[in-house]
Amino acid sequence: MVTAAAGLLLLAETVEARKYPAPLDIFNFGTPKPRAAVRAAKIPLPKPRPEEAPKATSKASEESPPQATGKPALDKPSADKPAEAAPPPEKQASACRLALTEEIAIAPSIPDIRGPGACGGEDLVRLEAVVLPDKRKVAVKPAAILRCTMASALADWVRKDMAPLATSLGSAVSELDNFDSFECRGRNRVAGAMLSEHGKANAIDVRAIKLANGQSIGLTDRTMSREVRERVLHSVCARFSTVLGPGSDWYHEDHIHLDLAQRRSGYRICQWNVWDPLPQVAPLLPAERPEEAPPREVAAKPETKEGAEDETAEKSSPSKDKSEPEKKAQPSKRGTKKRR
């Protein structure tokens, strides 16, 4: 009886235990499943070589010279020679360059200048001449290296201001005296000074304007008409942002400085005193002997006989005058003598 009861109890515990999951089932792992059988992967193989395949050429046959076929063999780049660098793309012309045609000025373009510091510039031209509306050319001597914008402004000044001025004087403009244009230097050539606009190819110094009749309009010449110099003054101050002349800083007494420097709020500088002519002072030395004067030997010859007689008469007259009082004095002496 006891043995039968123990067996029934064990069966009941087994049935009751099946109602709860095993410890592995708590984490939903379940019982491990058997792995499937491993299948061998298929590796792709190269296609079989065809019977008509071309034969491989050896390295020696590749280096053999080409057969003469009547056509020139193309040069193949070798591994020893480095490949040539591609040329830089052409720079597109600026709007100023397109507007500055040969009908306005003879100004060929030149490469950009990269000097020490900030010297140099881009869009540069060599201004050789200005073409007037009547096709006459005003030579710029020597040719000026300027930025395109500065060259265009200078050409407009000559065409629209200086040409009418020369016409009013009865002639035409023939030459522009260029004292200085591009030069990598400080202001007024002072060591340590700020970079001049000349160093940026943005300035030019003008000394005179020559006319076709040979006359020269010296912009700082005090003997030139004051009205003419004042007309030049008003024209340049209206076109350029900087104008320096006599009375500005003692560095521009014999020329006029023009540039297109950019400043805040469009600030402009116009410093040029148009001086009155100097008073004429009598020379300290005698004037030079003119070429038309007779030789000195001829001028030093003695006078004629008539002139000599006149001189002798003049010399003798004072002696006669002196003798007369002597004669008058003699009778008085005789009157005082005592008779013996």
C-alpha atoms as a PDB file:
ATOM      1  CA  MET A   1       0.000   0.000   0.000  1.00  0.00           C
ATOM      2  CA  VAL A   2       2.756   2.435   0.911  1.00  0.00           C
ATOM      3  CA  THR A   3       4.684   1.628  -2.233  1.00  0.00           C
ATOM      4  CA  ALA A   4       1.648   2.213  -4.401  1.00  0.00           C
ATOM      5  CA  ALA A   5       0.965   5.582  -2.748  1.00  0.00           C
ATOM      6  CA  ALA A   6       4.570   6.768  -3.343  1.00  0.00           C
ATOM      7  CA  GLY A   7       4.359   5.856  -6.994  1.00  0.00           C
ATOM      8  CA  LEU A   8       1.123   7.791  -7.465  1.00  0.00           C
ATOM      9  CA  LEU A   9       2.717  10.846  -5.805  1.00  0.00           C
ATOM     10  CA  LEU A  10       5.657  10.823  -8.202  1.00  0.00           C
ATOM     11  CA  LEU A  11       3.379  10.618 -11.217  1.00  0.00           C
ATOM     12  CA  ALA A  12       1.341  13.553  -9.939  1.00  0.00           C
ATOM     13  CA  GLU A  13       4.499  15.747  -9.537  1.00  0.00           C
ATOM     14  CA  THR A  14       5.614  14.904 -13.062  1.00  0.00           C
ATOM     15  CA  VAL A  15       2.272  15.912 -14.538  1.00  0.00           C
ATOM     16  CA  GLU A  16       2.222  19.091 -12.440  1.00  0.00           C
ATOM     17  CA  ALA A  17       5.780  20.045 -13.528  1.00  0.00           C
ATOM     18  CA  ARG A  18       4.832  19.864 -17.208  1.00  0.00           C
ATOM     19  CA  LYS A  19       2.378  22.735 -16.696  1.00  0.00           C
ATOM     20  CA  TYR A  20       5.309  25.243 -16.023  1.00  0.00           C
ATOM     21  CA  PRO A  21       8.021  26.173 -18.517  1.00  0.00           C
ATOM     22  CA  ALA A  22      11.543  25.038 -18.106  1.00  0.00           C
ATOM     23  CA  PRO A  23      14.163  27.595 -16.894  1.00  0.00           C
ATOM     24  CA  LEU A  24      15.372  28.182 -20.462  1.00  0.00           C
ATOM     25  CA  ASP A  25      11.844  28.943 -21.616  1.00  0.00           C
ATOM     26  CA  ILE A  26      11.625  31.876 -19.173  1.00  0.00           C
ATOM     27  CA  PHE A  27      13.927  33.905 -21.489  1.00  0.00           C
ATOM     28  CA  ASN A  28      12.188  32.537 -24.611  1.00  0.00           C
ATOM     29  CA  PHE A  29      15.312  30.748 -25.705  1.00  0.00           C
ATOM     30  CA  GLY A  30      13.616  27.459 -26.059  1.00  0.00           C
ATOM     31  CA  THR A  31      15.417  24.313 -26.662  1.00  0.00           C
ATOM     32  CA  PRO A  32      18.257  24.447 -29.185  1.00  0.00           C
ATOM     33  CA  LYS A  33      17.241  23.317 -32.625  1.00  0.00           C
ATOM     34  CA  PRO A  34      19.496  21.202 -34.763  1.00  0.00           C
ATOM     35  CA  ARG A  35      21.310  23.128 -37.549  1.00  0.00           C
ATOM     36  CA  ALA A  36      20.560  22.451 -41.144  1.00  0.00           C
ATOM     37  CA  ALA A  37      23.054  20.642 -43.259  1.00  0.00           C
ATOM     38  CA  VAL A  38      25.849  22.889 -44.709  1.00  0.00           C
ATOM     39  CA  ARG A  39      25.666  23.267 -48.465  1.00  0.00           C
ATOM     40  CA  ALA A  40      28.799  23.800 -50.542  1.00  0.00           C
ATOM     41  CA  ALA A  41      28.947  27.270 -52.223  1.00  0.00           C
ATOM     42  CA  LYS A  42      29.349  27.382 -55.986  1.00  0.00           C
ATOM     43  CA  ILE A  43      32.511  29.309 -57.007  1.00  0.00           C
ATOM     44  CA  PRO A  44      32.333  30.833 -60.552  1.00  0.00           C
ATOM     45  CA  LEU A  45      35.072  29.533 -62.803  1.00  0.00           C
ATOM     46  CA  PRO A  46      36.497  31.251 -65.922  1.00  0.00           C
ATOM     47  CA  LYS A  47      35.144  30.250 -69.270  1.00  0.00           C
ATOM     48  CA  PRO A  48      37.160  27.725 -71.208  1.00  0.00           C
ATOM     49  CA  ARG A  49      39.647  29.157 -73.704  1.00  0.00           C
ATOM     50  CA  PRO A  50      38.313  29.074 -77.257  1.00  0.00           C
ATOM     51  CA  GLU A  51      40.264  27.331 -79.961  1.00  0.00           C
ATOM     52  CA  GLU A  52      40.472  30.482 -82.169  1.00  0.00           C
ATOM     53  CA  ALA A  53      41.877  32.709 -79.386  1.00  0.00           C
ATOM     54  CA  PRO A  54      44.743  35.077 -80.447  1.00  0.00           C
ATOM     55  CA  LYS A  55      48.193  34.161 -79.330  1.00  0.00           C
ATOM     56  CA  ALA A  56      49.809  36.267 -76.592  1.00  0.00           C
ATOM     57  CA  THR A  57      52.565  38.562 -77.893  1.00  0.00           C
ATOM     58  CA  SER A  58      55.842  38.772 -76.069  1.00  0.00           C
ATOM     59  CA  LYS A  59      57.328  41.969 -74.650  1.00  0.00           C
ATOM     60  CA  ALA A  60      60.021  41.966 -77.311  1.00  0.00           C
ATOM     61  CA  SER A  61      57.444  41.983 -80.075  1.00  0.00           C
ATOM     62  CA  GLU A  62      55.712  44.961 -78.452  1.00  0.00           C
ATOM     63  CA  GLU A  63      58.941  46.960 -78.507  1.00  0.00           C
ATOM     64  CA  SER A  64      59.671  46.052 -82.153  1.00  0.00           C
ATOM     65  CA  PRO A  65      59.501  49.014 -84.592  1.00  0.00           C
ATOM     66  CA  PRO A  66      56.248  49.411 -86.488  1.00  0.00           C
ATOM     67  CA  GLN A  67      56.087  48.202 -90.044  1.00  0.00           C
ATOM     68  CA  ALA A  68      56.283  50.722 -92.833  1.00  0.00           C
ATOM     69  CA  THR A  69      52.697  51.293 -93.879  1.00  0.00           C
ATOM     70  CA  GLY A  70      53.134  54.715 -95.461  1.00  0.00           C
ATOM     71  CA  LYS A  71      51.503  56.455 -92.467  1.00  0.00           C
ATOM     72  CA  PRO A  72      53.507  58.226 -89.757  1.00  0.00           C
ATOM     73  CA  ALA A  73      53.525  56.391 -86.477  1.00  0.00           C
ATOM     74  CA  LEU A  74      51.808  58.204 -83.635  1.00  0.00           C
ATOM     75  CA  ASP A  75      54.024  59.170 -80.724  1.00  0.00           C
ATOM     76  CA  LYS A  76      52.934  57.312 -77.640  1.00  0.00           C
ATOM     77  CA  PRO A  77      53.625  58.874 -74.257  1.00  0.00           C
ATOM     78  CA  SER A  78      56.389  57.011 -72.500  1.00  0.00           C
ATOM     79  CA  ALA A  79      56.471  56.314 -68.804  1.00  0.00           C
ATOM     80  CA  ASP A  80      59.886  58.013 -68.494  1.00  0.00           C
ATOM     81  CA  LYS A  81      58.691  61.427 -69.754  1.00  0.00           C
ATOM     82  CA  PRO A  82      56.388  63.365 -67.419  1.00  0.00           C
ATOM     83  CA  ALA A  83      53.076  64.419 -68.831  1.00  0.00           C
ATOM     84  CA  GLU A  84      53.001  68.054 -69.974  1.00  0.00           C
ATOM     85  CA  ALA A  85      50.879  70.355 -67.832  1.00  0.00           C
ATOM     86  CA  ALA A  86      47.772  71.622 -69.491  1.00  0.00           C
ATOM     87  CA  PRO A  87      47.948  75.327 -70.421  1.00  0.00           C
ATOM     88  CA  PRO A  88      46.015  77.617 -68.077  1.00  0.00           C
ATOM     89  CA  PRO A  89      42.636  78.722 -69.352  1.00  0.00           C
ATOM     90  CA  GLU A  90      42.570  82.051 -71.150  1.00  0.00           C
ATOM     91  CA  LYS A  91      41.529  84.947 -68.944  1.00  0.00           C
ATOM     92  CA  GLN A  92      38.313  86.587 -70.001  1.00  0.00           C
ATOM     93  CA  ALA A  93      38.585  90.245 -70.980  1.00  0.00           C
ATOM     94  CA  SER A  94      37.109  92.745 -68.542  1.00  0.00           C
ATOM     95  CA  ALA A  95      34.366  95.205 -69.418  1.00  0.00           C
ATOM     96  CA  CYS A  96      36.947  98.019 -69.402  1.00  0.00           C
ATOM     97  CA  ARG A  97      39.193  96.101 -71.786  1.00  0.00           C
ATOM     98  CA  LEU A  98      36.304  95.514 -74.181  1.00  0.00           C
ATOM     99  CA  ALA A  99      35.350  99.209 -74.084  1.00  0.00           C
ATOM    100  CA  LEU A 100      38.914 100.519 -74.591  1.00  0.00           C
ATOM    101  CA  THR A 101      39.077  99.835 -78.325  1.00  0.00           C
ATOM    102  CA  GLU A 102      41.586 101.062 -80.900  1.00  0.00           C
ATOM    103  CA  GLU A 103      39.173 103.851 -81.812  1.00  0.00           C
ATOM    104  CA  ILE A 104      39.831 105.378 -78.375  1.00  0.00           C
ATOM    105  CA  ALA A 105      43.432 104.487 -77.542  1.00  0.00           C
ATOM    106  CA  ILE A 106      46.370 102.366 -78.631  1.00  0.00           C
ATOM    107  CA  ALA A 107      46.713 100.348 -75.438  1.00  0.00           C
ATOM    108  CA  PRO A 108      47.718  96.682 -75.818  1.00  0.00           C
ATOM    109  CA  SER A 109      47.154  94.434 -72.815  1.00  0.00           C
ATOM    110  CA  ILE A 110      50.136  93.193 -70.825  1.00  0.00           C
ATOM    111  CA  PRO A 111      50.425  90.342 -68.273  1.00  0.00           C
ATOM    112  CA  ASP A 112      49.540  90.961 -64.649  1.00  0.00           C
ATOM    113  CA  ILE A 113      52.379  92.241 -62.471  1.00  0.00           C
ATOM    114  CA  ARG A 114      53.070  90.618 -59.092  1.00  0.00           C
ATOM    115  CA  GLY A 115      55.776  92.583 -57.345  1.00  0.00           C
ATOM    116  CA  PRO A 116      57.015  92.622 -53.770  1.00  0.00           C
ATOM    117  CA  GLY A 117      54.373  93.442 -51.208  1.00  0.00           C
ATOM    118  CA  ALA A 118      51.229  94.785 -52.826  1.00  0.00           C
ATOM    119  CA  CYS A 119      53.003  96.155 -55.903  1.00  0.00           C
ATOM    120  CA  GLY A 120      51.531  95.446 -59.298  1.00  0.00           C
ATOM    121  CA  GLY A 121      48.004  94.876 -60.435  1.00  0.00           C
ATOM    122  CA  GLU A 122      45.649  93.127 -62.812  1.00  0.00           C
ATOM    123  CA  ASP A 123      44.029  94.118 -66.090  1.00  0.00           C
ATOM    124  CA  LEU A 124      47.047  96.203 -67.138  1.00  0.00           C
ATOM    125  CA  VAL A 125      47.674  97.970 -70.443  1.00  0.00           C
ATOM    126  CA  ARG A 126      50.540  99.870 -72.050  1.00  0.00           C
ATOM    127  CA  LEU A 127      49.064 103.201 -73.130  1.00  0.00           C
ATOM    128  CA  GLU A 128      50.990 104.296 -76.216  1.00  0.00           C
ATOM    129  CA  ALA A 129      48.643 106.871 -77.762  1.00  0.00           C
ATOM    130  CA  VAL A 130      45.183 108.397 -77.469  1.00  0.00           C
ATOM    131  CA  VAL A 131      43.050 108.529 -80.611  1.00  0.00           C
ATOM    132  CA  LEU A 132      41.058 111.740 -80.995  1.00  0.00           C
ATOM    133  CA  PRO A 133      37.563 111.815 -82.534  1.00  0.00           C
ATOM    134  CA  ASP A 134      39.102 113.126 -85.791  1.00  0.00           C
ATOM    135  CA  LYS A 135      41.426 110.048 -85.888  1.00  0.00           C
ATOM    136  CA  ARG A 136      44.510 112.029 -84.899  1.00  0.00           C
ATOM    137  CA  LYS A 137      46.799 110.312 -82.432  1.00  0.00           C
ATOM    138  CA  VAL A 138      48.196 111.928 -79.296  1.00  0.00           C
ATOM    139  CA  ALA A 139      51.409 110.114 -78.411  1.00  0.00           C
ATOM    140  CA  VAL A 140      52.101 109.289 -74.766  1.00  0.00           C
ATOM    141  CA  LYS A 141      55.877 109.582 -74.325  1.00  0.00           C
ATOM    142  CA  PRO A 142      57.120 107.427 -72.845  1.00  0.00           C
ATOM    143  CA  ALA A 143      54.344 104.843 -72.973  1.00  0.00           C
ATOM    144  CA  ALA A 144      52.552 104.511 -69.632  1.00  0.00           C
ATOM    145  CA  ILE A 145      51.839 101.210 -67.851  1.00  0.00           C
ATOM    146  CA  LEU A 146      48.453 101.651 -66.186  1.00  0.00           C
ATOM    147  CA  ARG A 147      45.393  99.783 -65.103  1.00  0.00           C
ATOM    148  CA  CYS A 148      42.703  99.687 -67.740  1.00  0.00           C
ATOM    149  CA  THR A 149      40.405 101.951 -65.730  1.00  0.00           C
ATOM    150  CA  MET A 150      43.131 104.579 -65.273  1.00  0.00           C
ATOM    151  CA  ALA A 151      44.099 104.449 -68.949  1.00  0.00           C
ATOM    152  CA  SER A 152      40.453 104.842 -69.960  1.00  0.00           C
ATOM    153  CA  ALA A 153      40.013 107.889 -67.684  1.00  0.00           C
ATOM    154  CA  LEU A 154      43.189 109.489 -69.061  1.00  0.00           C
ATOM    155  CA  ALA A 155      42.061 108.901 -72.648  1.00  0.00           C
ATOM    156  CA  ASP A 156      38.663 110.494 -71.962  1.00  0.00           C
ATOM    157  CA  TRP A 157      40.385 113.522 -70.397  1.00  0.00           C
ATOM    158  CA  VAL A 158      42.591 114.058 -73.452  1.00  0.00           C
ATOM    159  CA  ARG A 159      39.764 113.494 -75.934  1.00  0.00           C
ATOM    160  CA  LYS A 160      37.034 115.553 -74.241  1.00  0.00           C
ATOM    161  CA  ASP A 161      38.937 118.267 -72.356  1.00  0.00           C
ATOM    162  CA  MET A 162      42.416 118.821 -73.768  1.00  0.00           C
ATOM    163  CA  ALA A 163      41.479 118.571 -77.446  1.00  0.00           C
ATOM    164  CA  PRO A 164      38.920 121.444 -77.195  1.00  0.00           C
ATOM    165  CA  LEU A 165      41.452 123.479 -75.177  1.00  0.00           C
ATOM    166  CA  ALA A 166      44.059 123.095 -77.910  1.00  0.00           C
ATOM    167  CA  THR A 167      41.480 124.058 -80.531  1.00  0.00           C
ATOM    168  CA  SER A 168      40.758 127.285 -78.661  1.00  0.00           C
ATOM    169  CA  LEU A 169      44.489 128.045 -78.839  1.00  0.00           C
ATOM    170  CA  GLY A 170      44.484 127.555 -82.600  1.00  0.00           C
ATOM    171  CA  SER A 171      46.172 124.148 -82.744  1.00  0.00           C
ATOM    172  CA  ALA A 172      45.720 120.460 -81.844  1.00  0.00           C
ATOM    173  CA  VAL A 173      47.135 118.176 -79.158  1.00  0.00           C
ATOM    174  CA  SER A 174      50.057 116.110 -80.410  1.00  0.00           C
ATOM    175  CA  GLU A 175      51.859 114.683 -77.360  1.00  0.00           C
ATOM    176  CA  LEU A 176      51.416 114.037 -73.642  1.00  0.00           C
ATOM    177  CA  ASP A 177      54.569 114.372 -71.527  1.00  0.00           C
ATOM    178  CA  ASN A 178      54.533 111.370 -69.157  1.00  0.00           C
ATOM    179  CA  PHE A 179      56.813 112.055 -66.193  1.00  0.00           C
ATOM    180  CA  ASP A 180      56.085 108.774 -64.341  1.00  0.00           C
ATOM    181  CA  SER A 181      53.535 105.941 -64.367  1.00  0.00           C
ATOM    182  CA  PHE A 182      54.034 102.464 -62.830  1.00  0.00           C
ATOM    183  CA  GLU A 183      56.847 102.225 -60.302  1.00  0.00           C
ATOM    184  CA  CYS A 184      56.986  99.960 -57.257  1.00  0.00           C
ATOM    185  CA  ARG A 185      57.794 102.531 -54.548  1.00  0.00           C
ATOM    186  CA  GLY A 186      56.463 104.373 -51.534  1.00  0.00           C
ATOM    187  CA  ARG A 187      54.782 107.750 -51.615  1.00  0.00           C
ATOM    188  CA  ASN A 188      57.106 110.512 -52.790  1.00  0.00           C
ATOM    189  CA  ARG A 189      59.928 107.905 -52.829  1.00  0.00           C
ATOM    190  CA  VAL A 190      60.248 108.169 -49.050  1.00  0.00           C
ATOM    191  CA  ALA A 191      61.678 105.051 -47.382  1.00  0.00           C
ATOM    192  CA  GLY A 192      59.093 103.297 -45.217  1.00  0.00           C
ATOM    193  CA  ALA A 193      56.171 105.328 -46.562  1.00  0.00           C
ATOM    194  CA  MET A 194      52.858 103.816 -47.616  1.00  0.00           C
ATOM    195  CA  LEU A 195      52.665 102.237 -51.053  1.00  0.00           C
ATOM    196  CA  SER A 196      52.084 104.868 -53.700  1.00  0.00           C
ATOM    197  CA  GLU A 197      49.328 104.593 -56.281  1.00  0.00           C
ATOM    198  CA  HIS A 198      52.181 104.446 -58.785  1.00  0.00           C
ATOM    199  CA  GLY A 199      53.061 101.054 -57.286  1.00  0.00           C
ATOM    200  CA  LYS A 200      49.533  99.880 -58.128  1.00  0.00           C
ATOM    201  CA  ALA A 201      49.693 101.161 -61.732  1.00  0.00           C
ATOM    202  CA  ASN A 202      46.864 103.508 -60.802  1.00  0.00           C
ATOM    203  CA  ALA A 203      48.574 106.905 -61.231  1.00  0.00           C
ATOM    204  CA  ILE A 204      50.423 109.065 -63.745  1.00  0.00           C
ATOM    205  CA  ASP A 205      52.476 112.264 -63.483  1.00  0.00           C
ATOM    206  CA  VAL A 206      52.032 114.793 -66.315  1.00  0.00           C
ATOM    207  CA  ARG A 207      54.397 117.701 -66.947  1.00  0.00           C
ATOM    208  CA  ALA A 208      53.190 119.254 -70.174  1.00  0.00           C
ATOM    209  CA  ILE A 209      50.903 118.951 -73.175  1.00  0.00           C
ATOM    210  CA  LYS A 210      52.498 119.648 -76.546  1.00  0.00           C
ATOM    211  CA  LEU A 211      50.568 121.093 -79.480  1.00  0.00           C
ATOM    212  CA  ALA A 212      50.947 120.481 -83.194  1.00  0.00           C
ATOM    213  CA  ASN A 213      52.249 124.028 -83.802  1.00  0.00           C
ATOM    214  CA  GLY A 214      55.219 123.387 -81.515  1.00  0.00           C
ATOM    215  CA  GLN A 215      53.805 125.176 -78.491  1.00  0.00           C
ATOM    216  CA  SER A 216      54.046 123.425 -75.129  1.00  0.00           C
ATOM    217  CA  ILE A 217      51.528 123.954 -72.333  1.00  0.00           C
ATOM    218  CA  GLY A 218      53.565 123.554 -69.165  1.00  0.00           C
ATOM    219  CA  LEU A 219      51.045 122.734 -66.469  1.00  0.00           C
ATOM    220  CA  THR A 220      53.247 124.266 -63.759  1.00  0.00           C
ATOM    221  CA  ASP A 221      54.818 126.994 -65.915  1.00  0.00           C
ATOM    222  CA  ARG A 222      54.046 130.365 -64.306  1.00  0.00           C
ATOM    223  CA  THR A 223      54.680 132.167 -67.571  1.00  0.00           C
ATOM    224  CA  MET A 224      51.772 130.294 -69.160  1.00  0.00           C
ATOM    225  CA  SER A 225      48.385 131.972 -69.219  1.00  0.00           C
ATOM    226  CA  ARG A 226      46.629 131.653 -65.870  1.00  0.00           C
ATOM    227  CA  GLU A 227      43.294 131.061 -67.611  1.00  0.00           C
ATOM    228  CA  VAL A 228      44.674 128.058 -69.506  1.00  0.00           C
ATOM    229  CA  ARG A 229      46.124 126.495 -66.360  1.00  0.00           C
ATOM    230  CA  GLU A 230      42.873 127.004 -64.458  1.00  0.00           C
ATOM    231  CA  ARG A 231      40.922 125.242 -67.217  1.00  0.00           C
ATOM    232  CA  VAL A 232      43.265 122.269 -66.903  1.00  0.00           C
ATOM    233  CA  LEU A 233      42.870 122.351 -63.104  1.00  0.00           C
ATOM    234  CA  HIS A 234      39.059 122.204 -63.211  1.00  0.00           C
ATOM    235  CA  SER A 235      39.079 119.423 -65.814  1.00  0.00           C
ATOM    236  CA  VAL A 236      41.401 117.052 -63.925  1.00  0.00           C
ATOM    237  CA  CYS A 237      39.749 117.628 -60.535  1.00  0.00           C
ATOM    238  CA  ALA A 238      36.407 116.600 -62.047  1.00  0.00           C
ATOM    239  CA  ARG A 239      37.757 113.322 -63.478  1.00  0.00           C
ATOM    240  CA  PHE A 240      40.377 112.011 -61.025  1.00  0.00           C
ATOM    241  CA  SER A 241      40.093 111.298 -57.305  1.00  0.00           C
ATOM    242  CA  THR A 242      43.553 112.718 -56.503  1.00  0.00           C
ATOM    243  CA  VAL A 243      45.203 115.794 -58.036  1.00  0.00           C
ATOM    244  CA  LEU A 244      48.482 117.090 -56.566  1.00  0.00           C
ATOM    245  CA  GLY A 245      50.421 120.032 -57.951  1.00  0.00           C
ATOM    246  CA  PRO A 246      52.357 123.108 -56.844  1.00  0.00           C
ATOM    247  CA  GLY A 247      51.600 124.074 -53.263  1.00  0.00           C
ATOM    248  CA  SER A 248      50.511 120.578 -52.185  1.00  0.00           C
ATOM    249  CA  ASP A 249      53.557 119.020 -50.499  1.00  0.00           C
ATOM    250  CA  TRP A 250      56.721 120.353 -52.203  1.00  0.00           C
ATOM    251  CA  TYR A 251      57.089 117.087 -54.118  1.00  0.00           C
ATOM    252  CA  HIS A 252      54.887 118.176 -57.036  1.00  0.00           C
ATOM    253  CA  GLU A 253      56.217 121.618 -57.935  1.00  0.00           C
ATOM    254  CA  ASP A 254      57.181 120.685 -61.503  1.00  0.00           C
ATOM    255  CA  HIS A 255      54.431 118.202 -62.469  1.00  0.00           C
ATOM    256  CA  ILE A 256      50.818 117.206 -61.784  1.00  0.00           C
ATOM    257  CA  HIS A 257      49.970 113.890 -60.086  1.00  0.00           C
ATOM    258  CA  LEU A 258      46.726 112.160 -61.158  1.00  0.00           C
ATOM    259  CA  ASP A 259      45.276 108.901 -59.786  1.00  0.00           C
ATOM    260  CA  LEU A 260      42.029 107.028 -59.127  1.00  0.00           C
ATOM    261  CA  ALA A 261      42.575 106.037 -55.484  1.00  0.00           C
ATOM    262  CA  GLN A 262      39.430 104.701 -53.806  1.00  0.00           C
ATOM    263  CA  ARG A 263      38.518 106.256 -50.448  1.00  0.00           C
ATOM    264  CA  ARG A 264      35.620 106.095 -48.064  1.00  0.00           C
ATOM    265  CA  SER A 265      32.493 107.977 -49.073  1.00  0.00           C
ATOM    266  CA  GLY A 266      34.115 108.890 -52.390  1.00  0.00           C
ATOM    267  CA  TYR A 267      36.486 111.416 -50.765  1.00  0.00           C
ATOM    268  CA  ARG A 268      38.540 113.362 -53.327  1.00  0.00           C
ATOM    269  CA  ILE A 269      41.733 115.444 -53.077  1.00  0.00           C
ATOM    270  CA  CYS A 270      42.410 118.432 -55.352  1.00  0.00           C
ATOM    271  CA  GLN A 271      45.477 120.410 -54.257  1.00  0.00           C
ATOM    272  CA  TRP A 272      46.973 122.536 -57.010  1.00  0.00           C
ATOM    273  CA  ASN A 273      47.714 126.228 -56.601  1.00  0.00           C
ATOM    274  CA  VAL A 274      47.767 128.106 -59.894  1.00  0.00           C
ATOM    275  CA  TRP A 275      50.432 130.697 -59.125  1.00  0.00           C
ATOM    276  CA  ASP A 276      50.524 134.130 -60.720  1.00  0.00           C
ATOM    277  CA  PRO A 277      53.414 134.930 -63.069  1.00  0.00           C
ATOM    278  CA  LEU A 278      56.606 136.086 -61.364  1.00  0.00           C
ATOM    279  CA  PRO A 279      57.393 139.811 -61.585  1.00  0.00           C
ATOM    280  CA  GLN A 280      59.968 140.701 -64.178  1.00  0.00           C
ATOM    281  CA  VAL A 281      63.254 141.703 -62.551  1.00  0.00           C
ATOM    282  CA  ALA A 282      65.963 143.639 -64.380  1.00  0.00           C
ATOM    283  CA  PRO A 283      68.922 141.412 -65.116  1.00  0.00           C
ATOM    284  CA  LEU A 284      72.037 142.036 -63.063  1.00  0.00           C
ATOM    285  CA  LEU A 285      74.387 141.462 -65.992  1.00  0.00           C
ATOM    286  CA  PRO A 286      74.374 143.311 -69.310  1.00  0.00           C
ATOM    287  CA  ALA A 287      72.621 141.675 -72.191  1.00  0.00           C
ATOM    288  CA  GLU A 288      74.645 139.595 -74.585  1.00  0.00           C
ATOM    289  CA  ARG A 289      76.127 141.362 -77.611  1.00  0.00           C
ATOM    290  CA  PRO A 290      73.785 140.807 -80.566  1.00  0.00           C
ATOM    291  CA  GLU A 291      75.090 139.053 -83.621  1.00  0.00           C
ATOM    292  CA  GLU A 292      74.120 142.000 -85.854  1.00  0.00           C
ATOM    293  CA  ALA A 293      76.416 144.381 -83.958  1.00  0.00           C
ATOM    294  CA  PRO A 294      79.581 145.540 -85.794  1.00  0.00           C
ATOM    295  CA  PRO A 295      82.914 144.120 -84.735  1.00  0.00           C
ATOM    296  CA  ARG A 296      84.555 145.756 -81.775  1.00  0.00           C
ATOM    297  CA  GLU A 297      87.564 146.894 -83.903  1.00  0.00           C
ATOM    298  CA  VAL A 298      85.316 148.921 -86.204  1.00  0.00           C
ATOM    299  CA  ALA A 299      83.519 150.482 -83.268  1.00  0.00           C
ATOM    300  CA  ALA A 300      86.847 151.553 -81.687  1.00  0.00           C
ATOM    301  CA  LYS A 301      88.228 153.431 -84.813  1.00  0.00           C
ATOM    302  CA  PRO A 302      89.096 157.184 -84.411  1.00  0.00           C
ATOM    303  CA  GLU A 303      86.605 159.721 -85.647  1.00  0.00           C
ATOM    304  CA  THR A 304      86.914 161.771 -88.880  1.00  0.00           C
ATOM    305  CA  LYS A 305      89.036 164.911 -89.305  1.00  0.00           C
ATOM    306  CA  GLU A 306      86.032 167.159 -88.953  1.00  0.00           C
ATOM    307  CA  GLY A 307      85.229 165.582 -85.656  1.00  0.00           C
ATOM    308  CA  ALA A 308      88.827 165.941 -84.560  1.00  0.00           C
ATOM    309  CA  GLU A 309      88.859 169.663 -85.488  1.00  0.00           C
ATOM    310  CA  ASP A 310      85.684 170.177 -83.491  1.00  0.00           C
ATOM    311  CA  GLU A 311      87.257 168.512 -80.481  1.00  0.00           C
ATOM    312  CA  THR A 312      90.422 170.639 -80.778  1.00  0.00           C
ATOM    313  CA  ALA A 313      88.288 173.767 -81.034  1.00  0.00           C
ATOM    314  CA  GLU A 314      86.373 172.768 -77.935  1.00  0.00           C
ATOM    315  CA  LYS A 315      89.614 172.068 -76.098  1.00  0.00           C
ATOM    316  CA  SER A 316      91.121 175.402 -77.165  1.00  0.00           C
ATOM    317  CA  SER A 317      88.094 177.471 -76.134  1.00  0.00           C
ATOM    318  CA  PRO A 318      88.558 176.971 -72.388  1.00  0.00           C
ATOM    319  CA  SER A 319      92.219 177.959 -72.687  1.00  0.00           C
ATOM    320  CA  LYS A 320      91.207 181.207 -74.358  1.00  0.00           C
ATOM    321  CA  ASP A 321      88.718 181.897 -71.617  1.00  0.00           C
ATOM    322  CA  LYS A 322      91.414 181.426 -69.016  1.00  0.00           C
ATOM    323  CA  SER A 323      93.819 183.777 -70.820  1.00  0.00           C
ATOM    324  CA  GLU A 324      91.326 186.633 -70.894  1.00  0.00           C
ATOM    325  CA  PRO A 325      91.199 187.189 -67.121  1.00  0.00           C
ATOM    326  CA  GLU A 326      94.978 187.043 -67.059  1.00  0.00           C
ATOM    327  CA  LYS A 327      95.134 189.821 -69.628  1.00  0.00           C
ATOM    328  CA  LYS A 328      92.671 191.880 -67.651  1.00  0.00           C
ATOM    329  CA  ALA A 329      94.697 191.484 -64.529  1.00  0.00           C
ATOM    330  CA  GLN A 330      97.887 192.831 -66.154  1.00  0.00           C
ATOM    331  CA  PRO A 331      96.747 196.477 -66.462  1.00  0.00           C
ATOM    332  CA  SER A 332      95.865 196.593 -62.812  1.00  0.00           C
ATOM    333  CA  LYS A 333      99.362 195.496 -61.924  1.00  0.00           C
ATOM    334  CA  ARG A 334     100.865 198.165 -64.184  1.00  0.00           C
ATOM    335  CA  GLY A 335      98.708 200.826 -62.522  1.00  0.00           C
ATOM    336  CA  THR A 336     100.081 199.995 -59.112  1.00  0.00           C
ATOM    337  CA  LYS A 337     103.713 200.360 -60.128  1.00  0.00           C
ATOM    338  CA  LYS A 338     105.518 203.352 -58.760  1.00  0.00           C
ATOM    339  CA  ARG A 339     107.410 205.534 -61.084  1.00  0.00           C
ATOM    340  CA  ARG A 340     110.966 205.910 -60.392  1.00  0.00           C
END
